[in-house]
Amino acid sequence: MSAAFRRLRVAAAAAARQTRGSVVATVAVVLILVIGLVGAVLVHSASGTRPARTQAGEPTSLSANRIPTGPAGPANGNGGDATRQTTTRTTTKPGAQQASQSFAEPKVARPKHLVTPTLIASQRKPLSHGQLVALQHLSGVTHVLTIGEGMSRVDGHQAKTIAVHPASFRAWTPRLTAASNPLWSSIAAGELTASFDMGHGAKLPLGKTVPVRAAHKSPTRIGAFASVGLGPVDAVVDTHRADQIGLTRGNAVVISAPKADPLTLRNDVRSVLKSGASTTLLRQVIVIRDAGEFMTRKQIATILRAAASRIGKPYVWGATGPNSFDCSGLVQWSFAHAGITMPRVAAEQFFAGPHIPYKDARPGDLLFWHYDPTDPTDVDHVAIYAGDGKMIVAPHTGLDVMVQEVPLDHMAGVVRVDPGVASQIG
C-alpha cells in the first residue's frame, strides 16, 4: 500500500469520524427535544428512578415502563392475543449494562376526542340497565361510562381502584396520559397504573410485580405512574385483571356534564343510585370572591393546635392519624377536632369553600398545589396556613409533619373552608 494511499485512507477515516460526530450530536439534540415534549409520560425506565422534587417535596415527573412477558408478566388484556404484536425493546438501569427483553404490546386505539369527567359515582352492586338509562337522560349529561370501582391493597397499601376497558376509558383521561401508547398497552396487558401521588407517596416499586388484592390476591406488575383525572382514584387495572383480584365490575360510572351545575348533578345522580352510593365531584366552577368568615376564632385555634400537636409524626401515604398522616389526612384529622367534616383527599378538599388570593390568606385557610406533570390541573397536595408565610404540612415519604415556609411554585390556590360546603362534599 503506497504512502499516498495510506494518507488518503487516514484522512477519509477522520472525515468519517467528524461526520458521525456531527450526526450523533444532531440526533442527540433531536432526542432531547422529543423527550422534553413527552417526558411527562415516559421519562424513567423500569429501574424505578426517583423523580426530582420541588421545594414542597412533591414529585415533578412521571415514571412509566414497558411490558415484559414471561412467568411474572401480565395477564391477557381486553383485546386478547389477536391484538398483540411482540417487539424487542431495551432498557438501561443506572450503573448497569443495557439489557434486551421481549415485550407484548396490546394495541389500544388512540381517541380522536377527549371527554372531561364531571363526577364519578359508585354503589356496591353492578348498576342495572334502568339506572344507566336514567343517568344518561339526566339534565346536562353528555357522556356516561361504566367502570368498576372498589378498594384494594397494592403492595400492602390501601388503594381506591377502578376497572376499565382501556379502549373506552382512554378518552376520559388528561391529555398527556391519553397520548401515551405504552401506558395504555401496559394497562391492556394486565399491569396496574398507580396515580402519580400514590406511586411516589407509597414508594411503589415501578416495574416490579407486587401482591394486589381486593377479594382475591393476584401478583401484578406496576406498569406506570400517571394521573387519570379522577381525583380520589389511586390505581387503574383492566377488567381481566380486576377479575383476578376480585374487584367488582360495572358498579360505577364516570359522567361528563360540562354545562350542568355540579351540585345539582350530584343530587340527581344520588336520586338514581341506591342508598349508600358514593359520589365524587371531579370538576367544579371556582368563584373567587370575598370569603368572609365561616369559622369562629375558637374553631380556627382548635384546628391549628390539633395540627401543631402532630408535628414530628411521620408521613405515611394514605394515613389519617393519629400517629401518622399524609397531607390531606392531616387536614381531615385537624378539622375534625373543631367539629368540621372534611373530604378525604386534597382534590376534594379543594372545593371546600371559596377561593381567595394568597395575599389574603389567614391562619386556618388551606393551601393547595398541583405537582403531577401528567395533569397540570390535578390538585395533589395540601397544607394548613399558619400565618406569616408559614404552613403546617405532612410533606412526603421520609419526612415528618412540620412547620415550613410556604412555596409559591405550582400553587393551585387558597381555600377558606366553609364547613357547610365541606360537609356536602365530604
Protein backbone atom coordinates (compact mmCIF):
# COMPACT_ATOMS: atom_id res chain seq x y z
CA MET A 1 0.00 0.00 0.00
CA SER A 2 1.52 3.31 -1.04
CA ALA A 3 2.16 6.12 1.44
CA ALA A 4 -0.19 8.38 -0.54
CA PHE A 5 -2.96 5.83 -0.34
CA ARG A 6 -2.42 5.39 3.42
CA ARG A 7 -2.60 9.17 3.91
CA LEU A 8 -5.79 9.27 1.85
CA ARG A 9 -7.36 6.49 3.94
CA VAL A 10 -6.43 8.21 7.22
CA ALA A 11 -7.94 11.48 6.01
CA ALA A 12 -11.11 9.72 4.89
CA ALA A 13 -11.42 7.98 8.27
CA ALA A 14 -11.01 11.28 10.12
CA ALA A 15 -13.65 12.89 7.94
CA ALA A 16 -15.99 9.99 8.61
CA ARG A 17 -15.47 10.31 12.36
CA GLN A 18 -16.18 14.04 12.20
CA THR A 19 -19.34 13.40 10.16
CA ARG A 20 -20.51 10.70 12.54
CA GLY A 21 -19.90 13.01 15.49
CA SER A 22 -21.98 15.71 13.84
CA VAL A 23 -24.78 13.26 13.11
CA VAL A 24 -24.70 11.89 16.64
CA ALA A 25 -24.83 15.42 18.06
CA THR A 26 -27.76 16.29 15.81
CA VAL A 27 -29.60 13.11 16.75
CA ALA A 28 -28.92 13.80 20.43
CA VAL A 29 -30.42 17.30 20.16
CA VAL A 30 -33.48 15.91 18.41
CA LEU A 31 -33.87 13.19 21.05
CA ILE A 32 -33.60 15.76 23.84
CA LEU A 33 -36.35 17.86 22.24
CA VAL A 34 -38.59 14.81 21.77
CA ILE A 35 -38.02 13.63 25.32
CA GLY A 36 -38.81 17.13 26.56
CA LEU A 37 -42.18 17.02 24.80
CA VAL A 38 -43.26 13.62 26.07
CA GLY A 39 -41.25 13.49 29.26
CA ALA A 40 -44.37 13.83 31.42
CA VAL A 41 -45.46 10.46 30.10
CA LEU A 42 -42.25 8.46 29.69
CA VAL A 43 -39.11 9.67 31.43
CA HIS A 44 -37.90 6.93 33.71
CA SER A 45 -37.15 3.33 32.87
CA ALA A 46 -38.38 0.33 34.83
CA SER A 47 -35.49 0.81 37.23
CA GLY A 48 -37.74 2.96 39.41
CA THR A 49 -35.51 6.02 39.27
CA ARG A 50 -36.85 8.61 41.68
CA PRO A 51 -38.02 11.90 40.16
CA ALA A 52 -36.78 15.30 41.21
CA ARG A 53 -38.74 17.04 43.93
CA THR A 54 -39.91 20.57 44.33
CA GLN A 55 -39.41 22.84 47.29
CA ALA A 56 -42.53 21.38 48.87
CA GLY A 57 -41.09 17.91 48.45
CA GLU A 58 -43.55 16.62 45.84
CA PRO A 59 -42.63 14.67 42.68
CA THR A 60 -42.21 16.62 39.47
CA SER A 61 -42.06 13.91 36.82
CA LEU A 62 -43.84 10.73 35.82
CA SER A 63 -42.36 7.27 35.68
CA ALA A 64 -43.59 4.68 33.20
CA ASN A 65 -42.13 1.49 31.75
CA ARG A 66 -42.58 -1.21 29.17
CA ILE A 67 -44.32 -4.55 29.46
CA PRO A 68 -42.33 -7.78 29.87
CA THR A 69 -43.79 -11.18 29.12
CA GLY A 70 -42.97 -14.42 30.87
CA PRO A 71 -43.93 -16.08 34.17
CA ALA A 72 -44.19 -12.79 36.06
CA GLY A 73 -45.72 -10.93 33.14
CA PRO A 74 -49.24 -9.63 32.70
CA ALA A 75 -52.48 -11.42 32.08
CA ASN A 76 -54.22 -11.17 28.75
CA GLY A 77 -55.66 -7.74 28.03
CA ASN A 78 -59.05 -6.77 26.66
CA GLY A 79 -58.09 -7.39 23.08
CA GLY A 80 -56.85 -10.96 23.57
CA ASP A 81 -53.78 -12.43 21.90
CA ALA A 82 -55.04 -11.44 18.45
CA THR A 83 -54.44 -7.77 19.25
CA ARG A 84 -50.84 -8.18 20.33
CA GLN A 85 -47.64 -7.55 18.49
CA THR A 86 -44.37 -8.72 20.02
CA THR A 87 -41.37 -6.43 19.72
CA THR A 88 -37.94 -6.24 21.28
CA ARG A 89 -37.04 -3.25 23.44
CA THR A 90 -34.05 -2.38 25.55
CA THR A 91 -33.98 -0.81 28.97
CA THR A 92 -30.97 0.60 30.75
CA LYS A 93 -30.61 0.63 34.50
CA PRO A 94 -28.31 3.18 36.14
CA GLY A 95 -24.88 1.65 36.50
CA ALA A 96 -25.81 -1.48 34.59
CA GLN A 97 -25.33 -2.71 31.06
CA GLN A 98 -28.07 -2.43 28.52
CA ALA A 99 -30.33 -5.47 28.51
CA SER A 100 -32.68 -6.69 25.80
CA GLN A 101 -36.15 -8.03 26.60
CA SER A 102 -39.23 -9.07 24.66
CA PHE A 103 -42.42 -7.13 25.21
CA ALA A 104 -46.03 -7.80 24.33
CA GLU A 105 -47.90 -4.68 23.26
CA PRO A 106 -51.69 -4.89 23.05
CA LYS A 107 -52.93 -2.15 20.76
CA VAL A 108 -55.31 0.40 22.31
CA ALA A 109 -56.75 2.86 19.80
CA ARG A 110 -55.91 6.49 20.47
CA PRO A 111 -59.10 8.57 20.93
CA LYS A 112 -59.98 11.28 18.42
CA HIS A 113 -61.62 13.45 21.08
CA LEU A 114 -61.20 13.69 24.85
CA VAL A 115 -64.06 13.76 27.35
CA THR A 116 -63.94 15.89 30.51
CA PRO A 117 -65.23 13.94 33.53
CA THR A 118 -67.51 15.81 35.94
CA LEU A 119 -68.44 13.19 38.50
CA ILE A 120 -67.71 9.59 39.48
CA ALA A 121 -70.39 7.58 41.29
CA SER A 122 -70.46 4.03 42.60
CA GLN A 123 -72.59 1.56 44.52
CA ARG A 124 -71.91 -1.90 45.90
CA LYS A 125 -73.66 -3.92 43.20
CA PRO A 126 -73.41 -3.52 39.41
CA LEU A 127 -75.68 -0.81 38.02
CA SER A 128 -78.86 -2.02 36.36
CA HIS A 129 -79.81 -1.21 32.78
CA GLY A 130 -82.58 1.04 34.11
CA GLN A 131 -80.15 3.01 36.25
CA LEU A 132 -77.79 3.54 33.33
CA VAL A 133 -80.60 4.75 31.10
CA ALA A 134 -81.80 7.14 33.82
CA LEU A 135 -78.28 8.54 34.29
CA GLN A 136 -77.87 9.10 30.55
CA HIS A 137 -81.07 11.16 30.49
CA LEU A 138 -80.21 13.47 33.40
CA SER A 139 -80.16 17.16 32.53
CA GLY A 140 -76.82 18.29 31.13
CA VAL A 141 -75.28 14.81 30.86
CA THR A 142 -73.40 14.27 27.59
CA HIS A 143 -71.43 11.07 28.25
CA VAL A 144 -71.68 8.14 30.68
CA LEU A 145 -69.03 5.42 31.00
CA THR A 146 -69.48 2.27 33.09
CA ILE A 147 -66.46 1.12 35.10
CA GLY A 148 -65.74 -0.98 38.18
CA GLU A 149 -64.68 0.59 41.47
CA GLY A 150 -63.63 -0.66 44.87
CA MET A 151 -60.89 -0.81 47.47
CA SER A 152 -57.84 -2.99 47.04
CA ARG A 153 -54.44 -3.34 48.65
CA VAL A 154 -51.48 -2.67 46.39
CA ASP A 155 -48.21 -3.91 47.87
CA GLY A 156 -49.83 -3.57 51.31
CA HIS A 157 -51.23 -0.07 50.72
CA GLN A 158 -54.95 0.64 50.59
CA ALA A 159 -55.97 2.00 47.19
CA LYS A 160 -59.21 3.09 45.56
CA THR A 161 -59.00 1.09 42.35
CA ILE A 162 -61.04 1.20 39.16
CA ALA A 163 -61.52 -1.48 36.49
CA VAL A 164 -61.77 -0.20 32.94
CA HIS A 165 -61.81 -1.21 29.29
CA PRO A 166 -58.70 0.70 28.16
CA ALA A 167 -60.06 1.47 24.67
CA SER A 168 -63.17 3.12 26.18
CA PHE A 169 -61.60 4.80 29.19
CA ARG A 170 -58.57 6.32 27.45
CA ALA A 171 -60.59 9.27 26.14
CA TRP A 172 -61.62 10.26 29.68
CA THR A 173 -58.07 10.88 30.92
CA PRO A 174 -55.89 14.03 30.82
CA ARG A 175 -54.24 14.88 27.52
CA LEU A 176 -50.72 13.68 28.33
CA THR A 177 -51.98 10.44 29.84
CA ALA A 178 -54.29 9.77 26.89
CA ALA A 179 -51.39 10.36 24.48
CA SER A 180 -49.14 7.63 25.90
CA ASN A 181 -49.41 4.45 23.83
CA PRO A 182 -47.04 2.47 26.09
CA LEU A 183 -49.11 3.34 29.16
CA TRP A 184 -52.34 2.03 27.62
CA SER A 185 -50.59 -1.04 26.26
CA SER A 186 -49.41 -1.65 29.82
CA ILE A 187 -52.94 -1.46 31.26
CA ALA A 188 -54.40 -3.61 28.46
CA ALA A 189 -51.72 -6.23 29.13
CA GLY A 190 -52.86 -6.59 32.73
CA GLU A 191 -50.47 -4.25 34.52
CA LEU A 192 -51.51 -1.72 37.16
CA THR A 193 -51.14 2.03 36.72
CA ALA A 194 -50.90 3.88 40.02
CA SER A 195 -51.69 7.53 40.45
CA PHE A 196 -48.69 9.82 40.47
CA ASP A 197 -49.45 10.65 44.12
CA MET A 198 -49.70 7.04 45.27
CA GLY A 199 -46.77 5.83 43.20
CA HIS A 200 -44.31 8.12 44.92
CA GLY A 201 -46.09 8.63 48.23
CA ALA A 202 -46.32 4.87 48.87
CA LYS A 203 -42.94 4.20 47.19
CA LEU A 204 -44.38 1.58 44.89
CA PRO A 205 -41.67 -0.37 43.01
CA LEU A 206 -42.17 0.68 39.41
CA GLY A 207 -41.57 -2.20 37.02
CA LYS A 208 -41.83 -4.83 39.77
CA THR A 209 -44.52 -7.41 40.48
CA VAL A 210 -46.32 -6.91 43.80
CA PRO A 211 -49.30 -8.52 45.54
CA VAL A 212 -52.61 -6.82 44.71
CA ARG A 213 -55.78 -7.90 46.49
CA ALA A 214 -59.45 -6.93 46.52
CA ALA A 215 -61.46 -10.10 47.22
CA HIS A 216 -58.60 -12.23 45.85
CA LYS A 217 -54.85 -11.80 45.61
CA SER A 218 -53.02 -11.72 42.28
CA PRO A 219 -49.37 -10.83 41.64
CA THR A 220 -49.49 -7.74 39.42
CA ARG A 221 -46.79 -5.67 37.80
CA ILE A 222 -46.67 -1.91 38.42
CA GLY A 223 -46.58 -0.59 34.86
CA ALA A 224 -46.74 3.19 35.26
CA PHE A 225 -47.43 6.19 37.47
CA ALA A 226 -49.91 8.57 35.85
CA SER A 227 -52.86 10.81 36.53
CA VAL A 228 -56.20 9.57 35.21
CA GLY A 229 -58.03 12.74 36.23
CA LEU A 230 -60.42 11.11 38.68
CA GLY A 231 -59.40 12.76 41.95
CA PRO A 232 -59.52 10.09 44.65
CA VAL A 233 -58.71 7.16 42.32
CA ASP A 234 -55.37 5.59 43.25
CA ALA A 235 -54.99 2.74 40.77
CA VAL A 236 -56.28 1.53 37.41
CA VAL A 237 -56.47 -2.02 36.04
CA ASP A 238 -58.21 -3.55 33.06
CA THR A 239 -61.30 -5.72 33.56
CA HIS A 240 -59.43 -9.02 33.22
CA ARG A 241 -57.01 -8.11 35.99
CA ALA A 242 -59.98 -6.86 38.04
CA ASP A 243 -61.50 -10.34 37.84
CA GLN A 244 -58.25 -11.87 39.10
CA ILE A 245 -58.08 -9.60 42.15
CA GLY A 246 -61.83 -9.86 42.81
CA LEU A 247 -62.77 -6.26 42.07
CA THR A 248 -66.44 -5.69 41.19
CA ARG A 249 -67.19 -4.81 37.58
CA GLY A 250 -69.85 -2.37 36.42
CA ASN A 251 -70.75 -0.89 39.81
CA ALA A 252 -69.63 2.65 38.97
CA VAL A 253 -69.96 5.33 36.31
CA VAL A 254 -67.99 8.33 35.18
CA ILE A 255 -70.25 11.12 33.98
CA SER A 256 -69.48 14.13 31.82
CA ALA A 257 -71.85 17.09 32.12
CA PRO A 258 -69.70 20.15 31.35
CA LYS A 259 -72.56 22.68 31.45
CA ALA A 260 -74.52 21.28 34.41
CA ASP A 261 -74.41 22.72 37.90
CA PRO A 262 -72.16 20.22 39.74
CA LEU A 263 -74.13 20.12 42.99
CA THR A 264 -77.45 19.73 41.16
CA LEU A 265 -75.95 16.96 39.05
CA ARG A 266 -74.69 15.15 42.12
CA ASN A 267 -78.12 15.27 43.77
CA ASP A 268 -79.73 13.97 40.57
CA VAL A 269 -77.25 11.09 40.39
CA ARG A 270 -77.86 10.19 44.01
CA SER A 271 -81.59 10.01 43.33
CA VAL A 272 -80.94 7.38 40.65
CA LEU A 273 -78.49 5.20 42.55
CA LYS A 274 -79.17 3.03 45.55
CA SER A 275 -78.87 4.25 49.12
CA GLY A 276 -75.31 4.26 50.32
CA ALA A 277 -73.96 5.17 46.89
CA SER A 278 -70.80 7.26 46.74
CA THR A 279 -70.48 10.34 44.51
CA THR A 280 -67.38 12.47 43.98
CA LEU A 281 -67.22 15.73 42.07
CA LEU A 282 -64.20 15.93 39.79
CA ARG A 283 -64.59 19.43 38.35
CA GLN A 284 -66.31 22.43 39.84
CA VAL A 285 -66.61 26.10 38.91
CA ILE A 286 -64.48 28.06 41.36
CA VAL A 287 -65.56 31.64 42.11
CA ILE A 288 -63.00 33.97 43.64
CA ARG A 289 -64.78 36.37 45.99
CA ASP A 290 -64.61 37.90 49.45
CA ALA A 291 -64.83 34.81 51.60
CA GLY A 292 -65.97 36.46 54.78
CA GLU A 293 -65.82 34.36 57.94
CA PHE A 294 -67.16 30.81 58.08
CA MET A 295 -65.41 29.51 61.22
CA THR A 296 -65.18 31.00 64.69
CA ARG A 297 -61.87 32.04 66.20
CA LYS A 298 -62.20 29.13 68.60
CA GLN A 299 -62.59 26.66 65.73
CA ILE A 300 -59.55 28.08 63.91
CA ALA A 301 -57.45 27.94 67.08
CA THR A 302 -58.55 24.34 67.68
CA ILE A 303 -57.57 23.32 64.13
CA LEU A 304 -54.13 24.91 64.42
CA ARG A 305 -53.48 23.41 67.87
CA ALA A 306 -54.52 19.96 66.64
CA ALA A 307 -52.25 20.18 63.60
CA ALA A 308 -49.33 21.52 65.66
CA SER A 309 -49.71 18.66 68.13
CA ARG A 310 -48.85 16.23 65.30
CA ILE A 311 -45.51 17.86 64.45
CA GLY A 312 -42.89 15.10 64.39
CA LYS A 313 -45.33 12.37 63.40
CA PRO A 314 -44.26 10.52 60.24
CA TYR A 315 -45.73 10.96 56.78
CA VAL A 316 -47.32 7.71 55.59
CA TRP A 317 -49.18 7.65 52.31
CA GLY A 318 -52.91 7.07 52.93
CA ALA A 319 -52.65 7.57 56.70
CA THR A 320 -55.27 9.63 58.56
CA GLY A 321 -53.83 9.67 62.09
CA PRO A 322 -53.45 9.88 64.91
CA ASN A 323 -49.82 8.74 64.73
CA SER A 324 -49.07 9.07 61.02
CA PHE A 325 -50.53 11.17 58.21
CA ASP A 326 -50.49 12.05 54.57
CA CYS A 327 -51.12 15.67 53.60
CA SER A 328 -54.92 15.52 53.30
CA GLY A 329 -55.18 13.11 56.23
CA LEU A 330 -53.61 15.76 58.49
CA VAL A 331 -56.16 18.33 57.27
CA GLN A 332 -59.11 16.00 57.82
CA TRP A 333 -57.92 14.98 61.30
CA SER A 334 -57.20 18.55 62.42
CA PHE A 335 -60.54 19.96 61.22
CA ALA A 336 -62.42 17.07 62.84
CA HIS A 337 -61.17 18.31 66.22
CA ALA A 338 -63.12 21.51 65.57
CA GLY A 339 -66.25 19.54 64.64
CA ILE A 340 -65.82 20.11 60.89
CA THR A 341 -66.28 17.23 58.45
CA MET A 342 -63.79 17.43 55.59
CA PRO A 343 -63.48 15.33 52.42
CA ARG A 344 -60.71 12.74 52.46
CA VAL A 345 -58.43 13.76 49.57
CA ALA A 346 -56.82 17.04 48.53
CA ALA A 347 -58.66 17.13 45.19
CA GLU A 348 -61.99 17.20 47.07
CA GLN A 349 -60.81 19.50 49.87
CA PHE A 350 -60.03 21.99 47.09
CA PHE A 351 -63.82 22.52 46.75
CA ALA A 352 -64.49 23.02 50.49
CA GLY A 353 -65.05 26.77 50.25
CA PRO A 354 -64.45 29.88 48.15
CA HIS A 355 -61.04 30.55 46.65
CA ILE A 356 -59.13 33.64 47.69
CA PRO A 357 -55.82 35.21 46.63
CA TYR A 358 -52.77 34.04 48.56
CA LYS A 359 -52.11 37.61 49.73
CA ASP A 360 -55.42 37.45 51.63
CA ALA A 361 -54.71 34.09 53.30
CA ARG A 362 -55.38 33.83 57.03
CA PRO A 363 -54.45 31.16 59.59
CA GLY A 364 -56.70 28.14 59.12
CA ASP A 365 -57.04 28.57 55.35
CA LEU A 366 -55.96 25.66 53.15
CA LEU A 367 -53.14 25.92 50.59
CA PHE A 368 -53.08 23.66 47.53
CA TRP A 369 -50.55 22.66 44.85
CA HIS A 370 -50.51 20.64 41.66
CA TYR A 371 -47.27 18.73 41.13
CA ASP A 372 -48.46 15.98 38.77
CA PRO A 373 -46.82 16.65 35.37
CA THR A 374 -49.31 14.42 33.55
CA ASP A 375 -52.24 16.64 34.57
CA PRO A 376 -51.35 20.26 35.46
CA THR A 377 -54.91 20.83 36.69
CA ASP A 378 -54.82 17.97 39.18
CA VAL A 379 -54.66 19.06 42.84
CA ASP A 380 -52.47 16.62 44.75
CA HIS A 381 -51.03 18.42 47.80
CA VAL A 382 -52.50 20.46 50.65
CA ALA A 383 -51.31 22.23 53.80
CA ILE A 384 -52.81 24.37 56.59
CA TYR A 385 -51.78 28.01 56.56
CA ALA A 386 -50.36 29.08 59.93
CA GLY A 387 -49.71 32.78 59.16
CA ASP A 388 -46.58 34.84 58.45
CA GLY A 389 -45.74 32.79 55.35
CA LYS A 390 -45.65 29.51 57.29
CA MET A 391 -47.71 26.35 56.99
CA ILE A 392 -48.23 23.09 58.88
CA VAL A 393 -47.88 20.17 56.49
CA ALA A 394 -47.31 16.44 56.14
CA PRO A 395 -44.77 16.81 53.29
CA HIS A 396 -43.94 13.43 51.77
CA THR A 397 -42.50 9.99 52.49
CA GLY A 398 -39.34 10.25 54.55
CA LEU A 399 -40.29 13.46 56.36
CA ASP A 400 -42.44 14.16 59.40
CA VAL A 401 -45.26 16.63 59.95
CA MET A 402 -43.59 20.04 60.23
CA VAL A 403 -43.87 23.80 60.02
CA GLN A 404 -42.20 25.23 56.92
CA GLU A 405 -42.17 28.21 54.57
CA VAL A 406 -44.97 28.34 52.00
CA PRO A 407 -43.62 27.55 48.50
CA LEU A 408 -45.40 29.58 45.83
CA ASP A 409 -44.31 27.49 42.84
CA HIS A 410 -47.03 25.21 41.46
CA MET A 411 -49.61 26.66 43.84
CA ALA A 412 -53.15 25.77 42.78
CA GLY A 413 -54.98 28.11 45.12
CA VAL A 414 -56.07 29.07 48.61
CA VAL A 415 -59.41 27.96 50.07
CA ARG A 416 -61.24 29.46 53.04
CA VAL A 417 -63.15 26.48 54.38
CA ASP A 418 -66.91 26.77 54.63
CA PRO A 419 -67.98 23.93 56.99
CA GLY A 420 -71.38 23.66 55.30
CA VAL A 421 -69.85 23.22 51.84
CA ALA A 422 -67.14 20.91 53.18
CA SER A 423 -69.70 18.56 54.75
CA GLN A 424 -71.70 18.39 51.49
CA ILE A 425 -68.63 17.42 49.50
CA GLY A 426 -67.38 15.02 52.15
